[in-house]
Amino acid sequence: MGIEMKATTDASATTRPCGEAMPAMAAMLVREFMTSASPQEVCSEVRNAARDLHGQIAPESLPEMAYRLVRGRLLRRVRGGDTMTARGA
């Protein structure tokens, strides 16, 4: 199952929340976790995942694998009551 990683042309803050680093994937995660994580927290996890995966997987697999890694990390943090802010609670 592949995850579509096309960038959008919308200029909103959720389009490129992490700058140029995997913008479509980051935007998807920002939207998904908007009630439990700030865009900065998501971007930090995106950067950490990219760093952790660099050289470990094929470059063409990076967006999908980073998405899965970041999503898993964010879910664990949200469910475990880690240091993330609980928005809308």
Protein backbone atom coordinates (compact mmCIF):
# COMPACT_ATOMS: atom_id res chain seq x y z
CA MET A 1 0.00 0.00 0.00
CA GLY A 2 1.61 3.24 -1.11
CA ILE A 3 1.08 6.69 0.26
CA GLU A 4 0.68 9.45 -2.28
CA MET A 5 3.24 12.15 -1.62
CA LYS A 6 2.32 14.83 -4.14
CA ALA A 7 2.93 18.39 -3.04
CA THR A 8 -0.01 20.74 -3.17
CA THR A 9 0.06 24.19 -4.68
CA ASP A 10 -1.90 25.75 -1.82
CA ALA A 11 0.06 28.43 0.03
CA SER A 12 -1.47 27.72 3.43
CA ALA A 13 0.59 26.91 6.49
CA THR A 14 -0.32 23.23 6.27
CA THR A 15 1.01 22.88 2.73
CA ARG A 16 4.68 23.20 3.59
CA PRO A 17 4.74 23.20 7.39
CA CYS A 18 8.31 21.92 7.52
CA GLY A 19 9.71 23.95 4.66
CA GLU A 20 10.89 21.88 1.73
CA ALA A 21 11.50 18.63 3.64
CA MET A 22 8.89 16.15 2.41
CA PRO A 23 6.15 18.81 2.28
CA ALA A 24 3.21 16.59 1.32
CA MET A 25 3.96 14.00 3.97
CA ALA A 26 4.50 16.64 6.64
CA ALA A 27 1.28 18.43 5.68
CA MET A 28 -0.67 15.16 5.98
CA LEU A 29 0.71 14.59 9.47
CA VAL A 30 0.11 18.18 10.59
CA ARG A 31 -3.54 17.86 9.52
CA GLU A 32 -3.91 14.44 11.15
CA PHE A 33 -2.43 15.52 14.49
CA MET A 34 -3.68 19.12 14.53
CA THR A 35 -5.63 18.58 17.76
CA SER A 36 -2.77 16.95 19.65
CA ALA A 37 0.54 18.25 18.26
CA SER A 38 1.77 21.60 17.06
CA PRO A 39 3.16 21.91 13.53
CA GLN A 40 6.57 22.49 15.11
CA GLU A 41 6.35 19.20 17.01
CA VAL A 42 5.38 17.35 13.85
CA CYS A 43 8.21 19.01 11.89
CA SER A 44 10.69 18.08 14.57
CA GLU A 45 9.62 14.44 14.28
CA VAL A 46 9.82 14.64 10.46
CA ARG A 47 13.40 15.91 10.68
CA ASN A 48 14.30 13.27 13.28
CA ALA A 49 12.82 10.48 11.15
CA ALA A 50 14.64 11.68 8.03
CA ARG A 51 17.89 11.74 9.99
CA ASP A 52 17.26 8.31 11.52
CA LEU A 53 16.41 6.73 8.16
CA HIS A 54 19.11 8.41 6.08
CA GLY A 55 21.42 5.75 4.67
CA GLN A 56 19.29 2.96 6.15
CA ILE A 57 16.74 2.62 3.34
CA ALA A 58 16.52 3.27 -0.39
CA PRO A 59 16.11 7.02 -1.03
CA GLU A 60 12.90 6.49 -2.99
CA SER A 61 11.36 4.81 0.07
CA LEU A 62 12.16 7.70 2.40
CA PRO A 63 8.82 9.58 2.22
CA GLU A 64 6.66 6.54 2.95
CA MET A 65 8.94 5.08 5.61
CA ALA A 66 9.37 8.48 7.28
CA TYR A 67 5.58 8.93 7.28
CA ARG A 68 5.09 5.57 8.99
CA LEU A 69 7.86 6.25 11.52
CA VAL A 70 6.64 9.75 12.38
CA ARG A 71 3.02 8.68 12.62
CA GLY A 72 3.94 5.83 14.95
CA ARG A 73 6.04 8.11 17.14
CA LEU A 74 3.31 10.75 17.33
CA LEU A 75 0.64 8.17 18.15
CA ARG A 76 2.79 6.75 20.96
CA ARG A 77 3.40 10.23 22.35
CA VAL A 78 -0.27 11.21 22.17
CA ARG A 79 -1.55 7.95 23.65
CA GLY A 80 1.15 7.81 26.28
CA GLY A 81 0.64 11.38 27.43
CA ASP A 82 4.21 12.27 26.52
CA THR A 83 5.39 15.88 26.39
CA MET A 84 3.07 16.89 23.53
CA THR A 85 0.33 19.39 24.23
CA ALA A 86 -3.20 18.07 24.25
CA ARG A 87 -5.20 20.45 22.09
CA GLY A 88 -8.92 20.49 22.09
CA ALA A 89 -9.02 18.49 25.29
